[in-house]
C-alpha atoms as a PDB file:
ATOM      1  CA  MET A   1       0.061  -0.110  -0.287  1.00  0.00           C
ATOM      2  CA  SER A   2       1.588   3.550  -1.284  1.00  0.00           C
ATOM      3  CA  HIS A   3       0.968   7.116   1.285  1.00  0.00           C
ATOM      4  CA  SER A   4       1.382  10.161  -0.138  1.00  0.00           C
ATOM      5  CA  PHE A   5       1.424  13.422   1.632  1.00  0.00           C
ATOM      6  CA  ILE A   6       0.759  16.869  -0.459  1.00  0.00           C
ATOM      7  CA  SER A   7       1.435  20.105   1.248  1.00  0.00           C
ATOM      8  CA  GLN A   8       0.934  23.413  -0.445  1.00  0.00           C
ATOM      9  CA  LEU A   9       1.517  26.474   1.635  1.00  0.00           C
ATOM     10  CA  MET A  10       1.323  29.687   0.219  1.00  0.00           C
ATOM     11  CA  HIS A  11       2.891  33.001   1.799  1.00  0.00           C
ATOM     12  CA  CYS A  12       0.320  35.546  -0.172  1.00  0.00           C
ATOM     13  CA  VAL A  13       0.908  39.546  -0.218  1.00  0.00           C
ATOM     14  CA  PHE A  14      -1.865  41.536  -0.806  1.00  0.00           C
ATOM     15  CA  SER A  15      -1.648  45.849  -0.533  1.00  0.00           C
ATOM     16  CA  THR A  16      -4.495  48.044  -0.554  1.00  0.00           C
ATOM     17  CA  LYS A  17      -4.641  50.434  -4.355  1.00  0.00           C
ATOM     18  CA  ASN A  18      -2.035  52.396  -4.718  1.00  0.00           C
ATOM     19  CA  ARG A  19      -0.796  51.764  -0.756  1.00  0.00           C
ATOM     20  CA  ARG A  20      -3.154  53.530   0.753  1.00  0.00           C
ATOM     21  CA  PRO A  21      -3.265  53.188   4.317  1.00  0.00           C
ATOM     22  CA  LEU A  22      -6.324  52.357   4.121  1.00  0.00           C
ATOM     23  CA  ILE A  23      -5.939  49.157   7.026  1.00  0.00           C
ATOM     24  CA  THR A  24      -6.115  50.248  10.861  1.00  0.00           C
ATOM     25  CA  THR A  25      -5.751  47.978  13.717  1.00  0.00           C
ATOM     26  CA  GLU A  26      -9.324  48.456  14.372  1.00  0.00           C
ATOM     27  CA  ILE A  27     -10.116  46.814  11.208  1.00  0.00           C
ATOM     28  CA  GLN A  28      -7.622  44.004  10.552  1.00  0.00           C
ATOM     29  CA  PRO A  29      -9.220  41.954  13.453  1.00  0.00           C
ATOM     30  CA  ARG A  30     -12.603  42.094  11.372  1.00  0.00           C
ATOM     31  CA  LEU A  31     -10.265  41.926   7.468  1.00  0.00           C
ATOM     32  CA  PHE A  32      -9.074  38.471   8.350  1.00  0.00           C
ATOM     33  CA  GLN A  33     -12.238  37.186   9.515  1.00  0.00           C
ATOM     34  CA  TYR A  34     -13.342  37.594   6.479  1.00  0.00           C
ATOM     35  CA  ILE A  35     -10.608  36.535   4.887  1.00  0.00           C
ATOM     36  CA  GLY A  36     -10.594  33.346   6.849  1.00  0.00           C
ATOM     37  CA  GLY A  37     -14.441  32.517   5.710  1.00  0.00           C
ATOM     38  CA  ILE A  38     -13.243  33.062   1.766  1.00  0.00           C
ATOM     39  CA  ALA A  39     -11.183  30.411   2.563  1.00  0.00           C
ATOM     40  CA  ARG A  40     -12.833  28.299   4.168  1.00  0.00           C
ATOM     41  CA  GLU A  41     -15.751  28.639   1.455  1.00  0.00           C
ATOM     42  CA  SER A  42     -13.574  27.560  -1.195  1.00  0.00           C
ATOM     43  CA  LYS A  43     -11.668  24.256   1.110  1.00  0.00           C
ATOM     44  CA  MET A  44      -8.691  26.566   2.050  1.00  0.00           C
ATOM     45  CA  LYS A  45      -6.747  27.018   5.376  1.00  0.00           C
ATOM     46  CA  LEU A  46      -5.559  30.478   6.554  1.00  0.00           C
ATOM     47  CA  LEU A  47      -3.122  29.361   8.662  1.00  0.00           C
ATOM     48  CA  SER A  48      -1.642  32.856   9.749  1.00  0.00           C
ATOM     49  CA  ALA A  49      -2.621  36.801   9.068  1.00  0.00           C
ATOM     50  CA  GLY A  50      -0.897  39.996   9.649  1.00  0.00           C
ATOM     51  CA  GLY A  51       0.092  43.148   8.021  1.00  0.00           C
ATOM     52  CA  VAL A  52       0.410  47.085   8.095  1.00  0.00           C
ATOM     53  CA  ASP A  53      -1.778  49.822   7.557  1.00  0.00           C
ATOM     54  CA  ASP A  54      -0.919  49.399   3.466  1.00  0.00           C
ATOM     55  CA  HIS A  55      -0.824  45.181   3.200  1.00  0.00           C
ATOM     56  CA  VAL A  56      -1.474  42.180   4.644  1.00  0.00           C
ATOM     57  CA  HIS A  57       0.087  38.925   4.764  1.00  0.00           C
ATOM     58  CA  LEU A  58      -1.764  35.731   4.428  1.00  0.00           C
ATOM     59  CA  LEU A  59      -0.144  31.880   4.804  1.00  0.00           C
ATOM     60  CA  ILE A  60      -3.165  29.653   3.410  1.00  0.00           C
ATOM     61  CA  SER A  61      -2.945  26.356   2.925  1.00  0.00           C
ATOM     62  CA  PHE A  62      -4.407  24.457  -0.352  1.00  0.00           C
ATOM     63  CA  PRO A  63      -5.736  21.540  -0.780  1.00  0.00           C
ATOM     64  CA  SER A  64      -3.826  19.444  -3.596  1.00  0.00           C
ATOM     65  CA  THR A  65      -7.514  20.240  -5.773  1.00  0.00           C
ATOM     66  CA  ILE A  66      -6.918  23.604  -6.348  1.00  0.00           C
ATOM     67  CA  SER A  67      -4.575  25.596  -8.906  1.00  0.00           C
ATOM     68  CA  VAL A  68      -2.630  28.528  -6.859  1.00  0.00           C
ATOM     69  CA  SER A  69      -3.896  30.835  -9.677  1.00  0.00           C
ATOM     70  CA  LYS A  70      -7.945  29.581  -8.501  1.00  0.00           C
ATOM     71  CA  GLY A  71      -7.550  30.008  -4.721  1.00  0.00           C
ATOM     72  CA  LEU A  72      -5.297  32.563  -5.376  1.00  0.00           C
ATOM     73  CA  GLN A  73      -8.324  34.806  -7.580  1.00  0.00           C
END
């Protein structure tokens, strides 16, 4: 019997339009929850989220059934 394990972890960085400082510390928790919900709906897992006022960093686990391009869409 053969077993295989696939792990696709992606570090994604998104910025605001024109790098405007729009992501305040007050809205970060809601923003990260929202992004986590989108990931769950697409069968992905948001493992970590952080950032500053003009960009966010996300660590996302993709299942093997989803391509990177489709997941980031």
